[in-house]
Protein backbone atom coordinates (compact mmCIF):
# COMPACT_ATOMS: atom_id res chain seq x y z
CA MET A 1 23.91 27.42 3.42
CA ALA A 2 20.23 26.73 2.87
CA LYS A 3 18.90 25.57 -0.53
CA ARG A 4 15.61 24.20 -1.75
CA ILE A 5 14.76 21.56 -4.07
CA ALA A 6 11.85 20.39 -5.41
CA VAL A 7 11.44 16.15 -6.96
CA ASP A 8 8.40 16.14 -9.35
CA PRO A 9 7.48 14.00 -10.65
CA ILE A 10 8.99 10.96 -7.82
CA THR A 11 8.97 8.50 -9.95
CA ARG A 12 8.25 4.56 -9.16
CA ILE A 13 4.95 5.29 -7.16
CA GLU A 14 1.32 5.66 -8.96
CA GLY A 15 0.10 9.25 -8.96
CA HIS A 16 1.61 11.94 -8.84
CA LEU A 17 3.86 13.63 -6.40
CA ARG A 18 5.83 16.62 -5.91
CA ILE A 19 8.61 16.74 -2.80
CA GLU A 20 9.85 19.70 -1.97
CA ALA A 21 12.69 20.19 0.88
CA VAL A 22 15.14 22.94 2.54
CA ILE A 23 18.76 21.27 2.84
CA ASP A 24 20.79 22.97 5.56
CA GLY A 25 24.11 21.10 6.49
CA GLY A 26 23.89 18.15 4.57
CA LYS A 27 20.22 17.63 5.95
CA ILE A 28 16.84 18.04 5.38
CA VAL A 29 15.26 20.79 7.80
CA ASP A 30 11.92 21.12 5.91
CA ALA A 31 9.76 19.26 3.54
CA TRP A 32 6.29 19.51 1.88
CA SER A 33 4.49 16.96 0.26
CA SER A 34 1.81 18.22 -2.50
CA SER A 35 -0.26 16.04 -5.08
CA THR A 36 -0.50 17.22 -8.25
CA ALA A 37 -3.46 15.36 -9.57
CA PHE A 38 -7.11 15.45 -8.58
CA ARG A 39 -9.73 13.06 -8.41
CA GLY A 40 -13.31 13.55 -6.93
CA ILE A 41 -15.06 10.48 -7.30
CA GLU A 42 -16.96 10.76 -4.03
CA LYS A 43 -19.12 13.19 -6.05
CA ILE A 44 -19.96 10.58 -9.06
CA LEU A 45 -21.02 8.38 -5.98
CA LYS A 46 -23.99 10.56 -4.79
CA GLY A 47 -27.36 9.41 -5.54
CA ARG A 48 -26.45 6.24 -6.64
CA ASP A 49 -27.00 2.98 -5.10
CA PRO A 50 -25.30 1.87 -2.47
CA ARG A 51 -24.83 -1.53 -3.81
CA ASP A 52 -23.18 -0.37 -6.47
CA ALA A 53 -20.69 1.90 -5.07
CA HIS A 54 -17.47 -0.77 -5.57
CA HIS A 55 -17.76 -0.68 -9.00
CA PHE A 56 -16.61 2.82 -9.03
CA THR A 57 -14.36 2.93 -5.83
CA GLN A 58 -12.60 0.32 -7.63
CA ARG A 59 -11.61 3.28 -10.19
CA PHE A 60 -9.57 5.17 -7.79
CA CYS A 61 -6.92 3.36 -8.76
CA GLY A 62 -5.35 0.97 -10.78
CA VAL A 63 -3.40 -0.85 -9.17
CA CYS A 64 -5.17 -0.97 -5.38
CA THR A 65 -8.87 -2.03 -7.18
CA THR A 66 -9.32 -5.10 -4.69
CA VAL A 67 -8.69 -2.88 -1.49
CA HIS A 68 -11.49 -0.11 -2.60
CA SER A 69 -14.13 -2.93 -3.24
CA MET A 70 -13.34 -3.88 0.20
CA ALA A 71 -13.59 -1.13 2.01
CA SER A 72 -17.19 -0.10 0.19
CA ILE A 73 -19.01 -3.45 0.70
CA ARG A 74 -17.82 -3.26 4.06
CA ALA A 75 -19.41 0.24 4.25
CA VAL A 76 -22.41 -0.67 3.23
CA GLU A 77 -22.61 -3.77 5.27
CA ASP A 78 -21.84 -2.12 8.13
CA ALA A 79 -24.42 0.03 7.73
CA LEU A 80 -27.09 -2.24 6.89
CA ASN A 81 -25.87 -4.98 9.54
CA ILE A 82 -25.66 -7.47 6.87
CA GLN A 83 -23.38 -10.80 7.93
CA ILE A 84 -21.80 -12.73 5.11
CA PRO A 85 -21.17 -16.84 4.82
CA ASP A 86 -18.22 -18.08 6.21
CA ASN A 87 -17.12 -18.88 2.77
CA ALA A 88 -17.29 -15.18 1.27
CA ARG A 89 -15.22 -14.48 4.06
CA LEU A 90 -12.43 -16.93 3.43
CA ILE A 91 -12.86 -15.91 -0.55
CA ARG A 92 -12.39 -12.37 0.60
CA ASN A 93 -9.24 -13.11 2.60
CA LEU A 94 -7.82 -15.13 -0.85
CA ILE A 95 -8.19 -12.08 -2.82
CA MET A 96 -7.09 -9.77 -0.03
CA GLY A 97 -4.09 -11.75 1.13
CA ILE A 98 -2.62 -12.45 -2.27
CA GLN A 99 -2.96 -8.80 -3.53
CA ASN A 100 -0.87 -8.11 -0.50
CA VAL A 101 1.26 -10.63 -1.38
CA GLN A 102 2.15 -9.23 -4.82
CA ASP A 103 2.05 -5.96 -4.20
CA HIS A 104 5.17 -6.15 -1.71
CA VAL A 105 6.90 -8.43 -3.81
CA ILE A 106 6.20 -5.67 -6.97
CA HIS A 107 7.02 -2.59 -4.23
CA PHE A 108 10.55 -4.75 -2.94
CA TYR A 109 12.06 -4.99 -6.18
CA HIS A 110 10.61 -2.66 -9.12
CA LEU A 111 9.44 0.32 -6.84
CA HIS A 112 12.23 0.32 -4.12
CA ALA A 113 15.11 -1.77 -4.84
CA LEU A 114 16.87 0.98 -7.40
CA ASP A 115 16.66 3.11 -4.19
CA TRP A 116 19.52 0.81 -2.62
CA VAL A 117 20.53 -1.53 -5.61
CA ASP A 118 23.45 -0.21 -8.19
CA ILE A 119 22.19 -1.72 -11.61
CA VAL A 120 25.73 0.11 -13.12
CA SER A 121 27.75 -1.90 -10.30
CA ALA A 122 25.92 -5.16 -11.15
CA LEU A 123 27.57 -5.15 -14.51
CA SER A 124 30.72 -5.70 -13.07
CA ALA A 125 30.13 -8.23 -10.53
CA ASP A 126 31.78 -11.64 -10.64
CA PRO A 127 29.15 -14.49 -11.42
CA VAL A 128 31.15 -17.06 -9.23
CA ALA A 129 31.46 -14.69 -5.95
CA THR A 130 27.73 -13.89 -6.33
CA ALA A 131 26.29 -17.57 -6.99
CA LYS A 132 28.91 -18.15 -3.59
CA PHE A 133 26.97 -15.57 -1.44
CA ALA A 134 22.93 -16.16 -2.79
CA GLN A 135 23.88 -19.69 -2.03
CA SER A 136 25.12 -18.64 1.20
CA ILE A 137 21.43 -16.83 2.19
CA SER A 138 19.24 -19.38 0.77
CA ASN A 139 18.96 -22.62 -1.29
CA TRP A 140 17.32 -20.80 -4.53
CA PRO A 141 17.37 -23.04 -6.83
CA LYS A 142 18.34 -20.48 -9.37
CA SER A 143 21.71 -19.38 -7.83
CA SER A 144 24.34 -20.76 -10.03
CA ALA A 145 27.05 -18.52 -11.63
CA THR A 146 26.22 -19.86 -15.33
CA TYR A 147 22.49 -18.55 -14.04
CA PHE A 148 24.31 -14.67 -12.62
CA LYS A 149 26.32 -14.78 -15.49
CA GLY A 150 23.35 -14.61 -18.17
CA ILE A 151 21.11 -12.33 -16.49
CA GLN A 152 24.67 -10.02 -16.39
CA ASP A 153 25.31 -10.44 -20.12
CA LYS A 154 21.16 -9.97 -20.78
CA VAL A 155 21.17 -6.88 -19.03
CA ALA A 156 24.55 -5.16 -20.68
CA ALA A 157 23.13 -5.98 -23.87
CA PHE A 158 20.20 -4.33 -23.07
CA ALA A 159 22.01 -1.31 -21.74
CA GLY A 160 24.15 -1.45 -25.04
CA THR A 161 21.18 -0.97 -26.75
CA GLY A 162 20.56 3.00 -25.41
CA ARG A 163 17.14 2.19 -24.01
CA LEU A 164 17.21 1.45 -20.82
CA GLY A 165 13.54 2.10 -20.07
CA PRO A 166 12.84 1.41 -16.41
CA PHE A 167 16.31 1.61 -15.87
CA GLN A 168 16.86 5.56 -17.18
CA ASN A 169 17.43 8.58 -15.25
CA ALA A 170 18.27 7.14 -11.59
CA TYR A 171 21.69 7.88 -9.49
CA TRP A 172 24.00 5.35 -10.74
CA GLY A 173 27.19 5.25 -9.16
CA HIS A 174 25.49 7.64 -5.88
CA SER A 175 27.64 7.77 -3.25
CA ALA A 176 25.18 6.56 -0.99
CA TYR A 177 25.40 3.11 -2.84
CA LYS A 178 26.99 0.81 -0.71
CA LEU A 179 26.37 -3.01 -2.07
CA PRO A 180 29.31 -4.80 -3.19
CA PRO A 181 28.47 -5.59 -7.01
CA GLU A 182 27.44 -9.64 -6.35
CA ALA A 183 24.59 -8.17 -3.63
CA ASN A 184 23.65 -5.46 -6.85
CA LEU A 185 23.69 -8.80 -9.21
CA MET A 186 21.95 -10.92 -7.01
CA ALA A 187 19.02 -8.40 -6.71
CA LEU A 188 18.74 -7.37 -10.07
CA ALA A 189 18.56 -11.15 -11.19
CA HIS A 190 15.49 -11.09 -8.58
CA TYR A 191 14.10 -8.10 -9.82
CA LEU A 192 13.60 -9.91 -13.29
CA GLU A 193 12.22 -13.23 -11.64
CA ALA A 194 9.67 -10.71 -9.59
CA LEU A 195 8.49 -9.84 -12.89
CA GLU A 196 7.48 -13.40 -14.30
CA TRP A 197 6.45 -14.38 -10.71
CA GLN A 198 3.53 -12.01 -10.02
CA LYS A 199 1.93 -12.72 -13.43
CA ASP A 200 1.52 -16.07 -12.91
CA ILE A 201 0.91 -15.57 -8.91
CA ILE A 202 -2.05 -12.87 -9.70
CA LYS A 203 -3.92 -15.19 -11.41
CA ILE A 204 -5.56 -15.96 -8.45
CA HIS A 205 -7.85 -13.29 -8.82
CA ALA A 206 -8.94 -14.31 -11.89
CA ILE A 207 -10.08 -17.46 -10.68
CA LEU A 208 -11.53 -15.99 -7.58
CA GLY A 209 -12.31 -12.54 -9.09
CA SER A 210 -13.27 -13.41 -12.47
CA LYS A 211 -10.01 -11.08 -13.75
CA ASN A 212 -7.09 -8.46 -12.86
CA PRO A 213 -7.78 -5.92 -12.06
CA HIS A 214 -11.23 -4.25 -11.05
CA PRO A 215 -12.18 -8.28 -9.88
CA GLN A 216 -16.10 -8.61 -10.72
CA THR A 217 -17.63 -11.02 -7.96
CA PHE A 218 -17.32 -8.89 -4.62
CA LEU A 219 -21.22 -8.22 -3.81
CA VAL A 220 -22.78 -6.78 -0.61
CA GLY A 221 -23.61 -9.44 1.58
CA GLY A 222 -20.98 -11.90 -0.01
CA MET A 223 -19.57 -13.16 -3.16
CA SER A 224 -21.24 -13.81 -6.47
CA ILE A 225 -18.70 -16.61 -7.57
CA PRO A 226 -20.23 -19.74 -6.05
CA VAL A 227 -18.96 -23.35 -4.32
CA ASP A 228 -20.03 -26.10 -5.62
CA PRO A 229 -17.69 -29.23 -6.17
CA ASP A 230 -20.21 -30.46 -9.09
CA SER A 231 -19.56 -27.78 -11.48
CA GLN A 232 -16.89 -26.61 -14.05
CA ASN A 233 -18.19 -22.84 -13.46
CA ALA A 234 -17.85 -22.90 -9.74
CA ILE A 235 -14.86 -22.75 -7.14
CA ASN A 236 -14.07 -27.03 -6.97
CA ALA A 237 -12.00 -29.46 -6.24
CA ASP A 238 -10.01 -28.69 -9.47
CA LYS A 239 -9.88 -24.94 -8.85
CA ILE A 240 -8.96 -25.19 -5.72
CA ALA A 241 -5.62 -27.51 -6.04
CA HIS A 242 -4.69 -24.94 -9.10
CA ILE A 243 -4.79 -22.47 -6.30
CA ARG A 244 -3.43 -24.07 -3.80
CA LYS A 245 -0.27 -24.52 -6.76
CA LEU A 246 0.12 -20.76 -6.84
CA LEU A 247 0.04 -20.09 -2.96
CA ARG A 248 2.48 -22.32 -2.61
CA LYS A 249 4.73 -20.72 -5.25
CA ALA A 250 4.18 -17.63 -3.83
CA ARG A 251 5.18 -18.50 -0.44
CA ALA A 252 7.99 -19.87 -1.58
CA PHE A 253 9.75 -16.88 -3.49
CA VAL A 254 8.74 -14.99 -0.36
CA GLU A 255 10.39 -17.35 1.61
CA GLN A 256 13.41 -17.82 -0.19
CA VAL A 257 14.06 -15.07 -2.45
CA TYR A 258 12.42 -11.98 -1.03
CA ILE A 259 13.00 -12.17 2.80
CA PRO A 260 16.84 -13.65 2.43
CA ASP A 261 17.14 -10.28 -0.21
CA LEU A 262 15.91 -7.85 2.62
CA LEU A 263 18.19 -9.83 5.20
CA ALA A 264 21.31 -9.04 2.83
CA VAL A 265 20.57 -6.10 1.69
CA ALA A 266 19.47 -4.29 5.40
CA PRO A 267 23.03 -4.98 6.87
CA ALA A 268 24.81 -2.55 4.23
CA TYR A 269 22.23 0.16 5.42
CA LEU A 270 21.60 -0.17 9.40
CA ASP A 271 22.35 3.54 9.61
CA TRP A 272 18.90 3.97 7.90
CA ALA A 273 17.18 2.16 11.27
CA GLY A 274 18.11 5.89 12.78
CA ILE A 275 16.59 7.76 10.32
CA GLY A 276 12.94 8.45 8.56
CA GLY A 277 10.79 7.61 11.68
CA GLY A 278 7.83 10.86 10.96
CA VAL A 279 5.51 11.18 13.75
CA GLY A 280 6.13 8.38 15.64
CA ASN A 281 2.07 7.82 15.55
CA TYR A 282 0.54 4.72 13.79
CA LEU A 283 -3.50 3.42 13.16
CA SER A 284 -3.93 0.30 11.90
CA TYR A 285 -7.72 -0.62 11.12
CA GLY A 286 -7.20 -4.38 11.33
CA ASP A 287 -7.92 -7.35 8.97
CA PHE A 288 -8.62 -10.65 7.84
CA PRO A 289 -10.73 -12.06 9.95
CA MET A 290 -10.30 -15.56 11.55
CA ASP A 291 -13.87 -17.02 12.14
CA ASN A 292 -16.89 -15.55 11.03
CA SER A 293 -18.17 -14.21 14.09
CA PRO A 294 -19.27 -10.56 14.27
CA GLY A 295 -17.35 -8.11 15.52
CA THR A 296 -13.12 -7.06 15.10
CA GLY A 297 -12.39 -9.96 17.71
CA SER A 298 -11.23 -12.39 15.38
CA LEU A 299 -9.03 -10.35 13.28
CA PHE A 300 -5.82 -11.30 12.46
CA PHE A 301 -3.98 -8.13 12.14
CA PRO A 302 -5.64 -6.36 15.34
CA ARG A 303 -6.99 -3.00 15.35
CA GLY A 304 -5.34 -0.60 17.25
CA VAL A 305 -3.59 3.01 17.82
CA ILE A 306 0.12 3.61 18.80
CA MET A 307 0.86 7.32 19.69
CA GLY A 308 4.33 8.63 20.44
CA LYS A 309 6.29 5.28 19.79
CA ASP A 310 4.72 3.59 22.81
CA LEU A 311 4.77 0.02 22.45
CA ALA A 312 3.70 -0.45 25.76
CA ASN A 313 0.34 1.39 25.12
CA VAL A 314 -1.83 -0.16 22.39
CA MET A 315 -5.11 2.02 22.38
CA GLU A 316 -8.41 0.80 21.02
CA MET A 317 -9.38 2.65 17.77
CA ASP A 318 -12.16 4.54 17.27
CA GLU A 319 -13.02 5.42 13.69
CA LYS A 320 -15.63 8.62 15.08
CA LYS A 321 -12.36 9.88 16.37
CA ILE A 322 -11.42 11.02 12.84
CA THR A 323 -11.18 14.44 11.19
CA GLU A 324 -9.86 15.81 7.97
CA TYR A 325 -8.56 19.23 7.09
CA VAL A 326 -8.28 21.30 4.35
CA THR A 327 -6.33 24.21 5.77
CA HIS A 328 -3.60 23.35 3.23
CA SER A 329 -5.22 21.68 0.76
CA TRP A 330 -7.07 22.85 -3.10
CA TYR A 331 -10.57 22.57 -1.00
CA ASP A 332 -12.81 24.60 0.61
CA TYR A 333 -15.24 23.50 3.41
CA SER A 334 -18.51 25.45 3.87
CA GLY A 335 -18.35 25.62 7.43
CA GLY A 336 -14.60 27.20 7.40
CA ASN A 337 -11.24 25.86 6.39
CA ASP A 338 -9.41 25.78 9.86
CA LYS A 339 -12.57 23.14 11.68
CA GLY A 340 -11.89 19.54 10.74
CA LEU A 341 -14.87 17.41 9.76
CA HIS A 342 -15.36 14.08 10.49
CA PRO A 343 -15.81 12.13 6.72
CA TYR A 344 -19.77 11.22 7.19
CA ASP A 345 -19.58 14.70 7.19
CA GLY A 346 -16.76 14.82 4.75
CA GLU A 347 -17.33 17.60 1.45
CA THR A 348 -15.01 17.49 -1.75
CA ASN A 349 -15.68 21.01 -2.96
CA ASP A 350 -12.24 21.17 -4.96
CA ASN A 351 -10.65 24.98 -5.41
CA TYR A 352 -7.46 24.77 -6.77
CA THR A 353 -5.49 27.99 -6.11
CA GLY A 354 -1.96 27.29 -6.50
CA PRO A 355 0.42 28.71 -9.29
CA LYS A 356 -0.10 28.03 -13.08
CA PRO A 357 2.79 25.43 -14.66
CA PRO A 358 5.89 26.78 -14.82
CA TYR A 359 6.85 27.60 -11.37
CA GLU A 360 9.67 26.67 -9.07
CA PHE A 361 8.05 26.30 -5.80
CA LEU A 362 4.82 26.05 -4.59
CA ASP A 363 3.13 28.61 -1.99
CA THR A 364 4.00 26.02 1.43
CA ASP A 365 2.53 29.33 3.33
CA GLY A 366 -1.15 28.64 1.83
CA LYS A 367 -2.71 25.65 -0.11
CA TYR A 368 -0.44 23.44 -1.65
CA SER A 369 -1.65 20.39 -2.30
CA TRP A 370 -5.03 18.04 -3.84
CA VAL A 371 -4.38 15.38 -0.81
CA LYS A 372 -6.29 16.50 2.73
CA SER A 373 -4.75 16.35 6.20
CA PRO A 374 -6.33 13.26 7.97
CA ARG A 375 -5.94 13.52 11.85
CA TYR A 376 -6.85 10.86 14.73
CA MET A 377 -7.23 13.17 17.86
CA ASP A 378 -6.04 15.68 15.73
CA GLN A 379 -2.64 13.82 15.68
CA PRO A 380 -0.96 13.00 12.24
CA MET A 381 -1.12 9.10 12.01
CA GLU A 382 1.18 6.66 9.82
CA VAL A 383 -0.52 4.25 8.19
CA GLY A 384 1.04 1.24 6.57
CA PRO A 385 2.71 -2.37 7.18
CA LEU A 386 4.73 -0.91 9.57
CA ALA A 387 1.74 0.59 11.67
CA ARG A 388 0.33 -2.95 10.92
CA ILE A 389 2.75 -4.92 12.25
CA LEU A 390 3.54 -3.20 15.23
CA VAL A 391 0.35 -2.50 16.88
CA ALA A 392 0.40 -6.61 16.21
CA TYR A 393 3.45 -6.65 17.46
CA ALA A 394 2.43 -4.64 20.67
CA SER A 395 -0.48 -6.54 20.78
CA GLY A 396 1.26 -9.56 21.40
CA VAL A 397 0.31 -11.40 18.15
CA LYS A 398 2.08 -14.80 18.43
CA GLU A 399 3.07 -15.15 14.96
CA VAL A 400 4.01 -11.39 14.12
CA VAL A 401 5.94 -11.24 17.55
CA ASP A 402 8.47 -14.32 16.29
CA THR A 403 8.87 -12.84 13.00
CA VAL A 404 9.64 -9.53 13.87
CA ASN A 405 12.01 -10.53 16.69
CA PHE A 406 13.56 -13.72 14.27
CA VAL A 407 14.26 -9.93 11.86
CA LEU A 408 15.81 -7.81 14.40
CA LYS A 409 17.66 -10.64 15.90
CA THR A 410 19.21 -11.23 12.44
CA LEU A 411 20.48 -7.49 12.16
CA GLY A 412 21.11 -7.17 15.11
CA ALA A 413 18.79 -4.04 16.03
CA PRO A 414 16.91 -3.38 18.71
CA ALA A 415 12.97 -2.87 18.67
CA THR A 416 13.30 1.22 17.89
CA ALA A 417 15.08 0.01 14.78
CA LEU A 418 11.47 -0.26 13.66
CA PHE A 419 10.58 3.35 13.35
CA SER A 420 12.54 4.20 10.29
CA THR A 421 13.23 3.92 6.87
CA LEU A 422 14.45 0.62 7.10
CA GLY A 423 12.00 -0.48 9.48
CA ARG A 424 8.76 0.25 7.29
CA THR A 425 10.90 -1.82 4.17
CA ALA A 426 11.21 -4.81 7.04
CA ALA A 427 7.57 -4.42 7.99
CA ARG A 428 6.35 -5.05 4.35
CA GLY A 429 8.52 -8.05 4.20
CA VAL A 430 7.34 -9.41 7.26
CA ASP A 431 3.22 -8.65 6.56
CA ALA A 432 4.16 -10.13 3.33
CA LEU A 433 5.53 -13.29 4.63
CA LEU A 434 2.61 -13.82 7.51
CA LEU A 435 0.24 -13.30 4.48
CA ALA A 436 1.63 -16.20 2.37
CA GLN A 437 1.45 -18.33 5.12
CA LYS A 438 -1.86 -17.37 5.96
CA ASN A 439 -3.47 -17.65 2.82
CA GLU A 440 -2.62 -21.47 2.56
CA LEU A 441 -4.58 -21.65 5.73
CA TRP A 442 -7.60 -20.14 4.61
CA LEU A 443 -7.99 -22.31 1.33
CA ASP A 444 -8.18 -25.31 3.66
CA GLN A 445 -10.75 -23.97 5.64
CA LEU A 446 -12.55 -23.26 2.34
CA ALA A 447 -11.87 -26.73 1.27
CA ASP A 448 -12.93 -28.19 4.18
CA ASN A 449 -16.22 -26.22 3.98
CA MET A 450 -17.16 -27.75 0.50
CA GLY A 451 -16.25 -31.16 1.78
CA ARG A 452 -18.54 -30.53 4.54
CA GLY A 453 -21.65 -29.73 1.97
CA ILE A 454 -20.87 -25.82 2.92
CA TYR A 455 -21.51 -24.11 -0.32
CA ASP A 456 -22.92 -20.58 0.74
CA THR A 457 -21.30 -17.20 -0.58
CA PHE A 458 -24.15 -15.13 -0.56
CA ASN A 459 -26.59 -13.49 2.22
CA LYS A 460 -29.01 -12.15 0.42
CA GLU A 461 -31.38 -10.75 3.76
CA LYS A 462 -31.75 -7.15 3.01
CA TRP A 463 -31.15 -7.45 -0.80
CA ASP A 464 -33.95 -5.62 -1.23
CA PRO A 465 -33.86 -1.27 -0.55
CA ALA A 466 -37.54 -1.57 1.06
CA THR A 467 -36.11 -3.25 4.27
CA TRP A 468 -33.83 -0.88 4.57
CA PRO A 469 -34.00 1.84 7.03
CA LYS A 470 -34.85 5.33 6.07
CA GLU A 471 -31.04 6.41 7.30
CA ALA A 472 -28.05 4.88 8.06
CA GLN A 473 -24.43 5.04 8.05
CA GLY A 474 -21.80 2.42 7.84
CA PHE A 475 -17.32 2.61 8.19
CA GLY A 476 -15.86 0.17 5.61
CA TYR A 477 -12.44 -0.93 6.27
CA HIS A 478 -9.73 -2.76 4.82
CA GLU A 479 -5.86 -2.63 5.72
CA ALA A 480 -4.60 -2.72 2.16
CA PRO A 481 -0.64 -3.24 0.85
CA ARG A 482 -0.26 0.49 2.00
CA GLY A 483 -2.35 1.03 5.33
CA ALA A 484 -5.80 1.87 6.39
CA LEU A 485 -8.35 2.35 3.97
CA GLY A 486 -11.40 3.39 5.41
CA HIS A 487 -14.72 4.47 3.36
CA PHE A 488 -17.38 6.32 4.91
CA ILE A 489 -21.27 5.74 3.69
CA ARG A 490 -24.27 7.71 4.20
CA ILE A 491 -27.29 6.25 2.95
CA GLU A 492 -30.86 8.09 2.89
CA ASN A 493 -33.99 6.94 1.11
CA GLN A 494 -31.99 4.03 -0.22
CA LYS A 495 -29.34 6.03 -1.98
CA ILE A 496 -26.00 7.76 -1.48
CA ALA A 497 -26.33 10.85 0.50
CA ASN A 498 -22.55 10.93 0.94
CA PHE A 499 -19.55 9.24 0.20
CA GLN A 500 -15.80 9.93 1.50
CA ALA A 501 -12.85 7.66 1.45
CA VAL A 502 -9.73 8.36 3.63
CA VAL A 503 -7.09 5.76 1.90
CA PRO A 504 -3.57 5.18 3.27
CA SER A 505 -2.19 7.72 0.81
CA THR A 506 -4.63 10.32 2.37
CA TRP A 507 -2.86 9.74 5.80
CA ASN A 508 0.70 9.46 4.90
CA ALA A 509 0.95 12.20 2.17
CA GLY A 510 -1.54 14.86 4.07
CA PRO A 511 0.16 18.58 4.54
CA ARG A 512 0.19 20.43 7.29
CA ASP A 513 -2.82 20.89 9.34
CA PRO A 514 -4.07 24.27 10.83
CA ALA A 515 -1.92 23.58 13.97
CA GLY A 516 1.36 23.41 11.53
CA GLN A 517 1.38 19.70 12.41
CA LEU A 518 3.76 18.13 9.31
CA GLY A 519 2.05 15.29 7.55
CA PRO A 520 4.12 11.81 7.50
CA TYR A 521 5.85 12.15 4.71
CA GLU A 522 6.81 15.73 5.53
CA SER A 523 8.03 14.43 9.25
CA ALA A 524 9.95 11.48 7.82
CA LEU A 525 12.35 13.36 6.00
CA ILE A 526 13.34 16.10 8.71
CA GLY A 527 16.81 15.45 9.39
CA THR A 528 17.72 13.27 6.21
CA PRO A 529 20.77 13.23 5.61
CA ILE A 530 21.58 14.12 2.00
CA ALA A 531 25.05 13.60 0.06
CA ASP A 532 24.10 15.88 -3.34
CA PRO A 533 20.85 18.23 -3.30
CA GLU A 534 21.05 17.68 -6.94
CA LYS A 535 20.35 13.60 -6.79
CA PRO A 536 18.70 13.35 -3.82
CA LEU A 537 18.45 9.88 -3.62
CA GLU A 538 17.86 9.46 -0.23
CA ILE A 539 14.52 11.75 -0.47
CA LEU A 540 13.63 8.73 -2.68
CA ARG A 541 14.23 5.94 -0.37
CA THR A 542 12.50 7.42 3.10
CA ILE A 543 9.01 8.35 0.33
CA HIS A 544 9.40 5.04 -0.63
CA SER A 545 9.34 3.05 1.70
CA PHE A 546 5.60 4.31 2.34
CA ASP A 547 5.19 3.26 -1.30
CA PRO A 548 3.11 6.14 -2.12
CA CYS A 549 -0.45 5.56 -4.57
CA LEU A 550 -2.08 9.11 -5.42
CA ALA A 551 -4.54 9.45 -8.07
CA CYS A 552 -3.87 7.24 -11.33
CA ALA A 553 -4.08 9.60 -14.04
CA VAL A 554 -5.07 13.29 -14.99
CA HIS A 555 -6.85 14.07 -18.09
CA VAL A 556 -8.88 17.60 -18.46
CA MET A 557 -12.06 17.95 -20.51
CA ASP A 558 -14.17 20.73 -21.41
CA GLY A 559 -17.71 20.64 -20.27
CA LYS A 560 -18.64 18.68 -23.60
CA GLY A 561 -16.27 15.94 -22.62
CA THR A 562 -14.16 17.38 -25.22
CA GLU A 563 -10.46 16.63 -24.42
CA ILE A 564 -8.37 19.50 -24.07
CA VAL A 565 -5.25 18.57 -22.86
CA LYS A 566 -3.31 15.44 -23.03
CA VAL A 567 -0.25 14.03 -20.85
CA ARG A 568 1.46 11.62 -22.11
CA VAL A 569 4.15 9.98 -19.85
CA LEU A 570 7.13 8.02 -21.33
């Protein structure tokens, strides 16, 4: 007998997400994805100076701050045809590159691992056997029996307090957990190590961006941080040496902990290489320019589109073919809700028509989400590390091909296994590894420029609005940790006339469109086996593999700015 369930909120994500699903015969046969928070910052940007946009768009999120700076600034630079200096390219690559590495490690251990790792089981592991297992897959120095026994005792004491924090309300003991206790203990130890590791690694943002989150050195035309070997207030030899030390620490953890853990855990869950494939269409804007030539031909991750899982045919990506629908979203378009709009002409006219809490289920025949439905050539597209890696792999980027083939060979899996929940998780690890390696190259190039007396970080040409055309529009792209991020700006009379952000989780979390096509989350859940509808761990596995990032928080105010509703999350 069919059963409808709701998982609300989906935890271990950024923002507010509800999943409703119909389970029949032990599998999901229908699903709906609903974002339950409204953002609306696009409205705030209208009428402002385009050069200030990035200060506002950073506030879309408390996690993805750098990425919105990057996309906003590129949108303005595209509109005004501004070329940045080579040092600015390298500093941007370093900031964005370490953002991806840190974000992927946090996702794997702190947001996704507990879908596969049973913490309770780890408490019964043999530390000696755990050490032997850990040493068999990596030369990471923290792999002694004494170390693992200490971790086990620490967590046992923590559990004994009854205040379990992040380990509260999980589905421990669920039949879908398959790892032996020793693998669970190793993963738990690395979960705790990653908490300390990421605090050090993100110091690179403080050095190059002045702070984290919300770095302050991004600037239309380049970067505001100077390069000067004779100044303590600039990027100099000492700062280069310190950044290099942190980058090597980042790479060591990825190579000796993250990737070995990924390859050790995956064999227990190879059935998930056939689950969660989703829409089968993939879009990557491409990113990380390898030189300072204009255009996108030098991007390390190339731009492209794959339709129908056809790796033999990478299509050219054209942002003019993007539209957004609101048929099932809590917005209205002035020209009718069944017509798609390109983001340049996008509208953010909120109109909540959903049920008032408490309610059991949403009206999924009507409008049911605050997320719009982006489409490329009227097709739903998955974005994210999997899309990025697939486009690069199918395009023949050697480092990507070699790394992906190594992972597939190690797991004994064909390339088709990438179209899955497991493939999505593996692609994120591949992405982190490649960027951990590239970051050191970009730092070396920055040091080489400095050694040759090349110090420019900012192009002041066209900084004066008097030099701008009366009307201009621009597309700002970035391959963020969660995928293709696009900012679209229209400038009229030196002010922002329209601004629309199509973020990765808009692509992935969007609801159905007028044609009834499911969004990527919804499509990926179809066919997922559910062992226990009361404990839908399997839904978390697939949804977390996308790493959702929706609106960060909601405060309800009256017209005078008085807070009338306050929501506490413990």
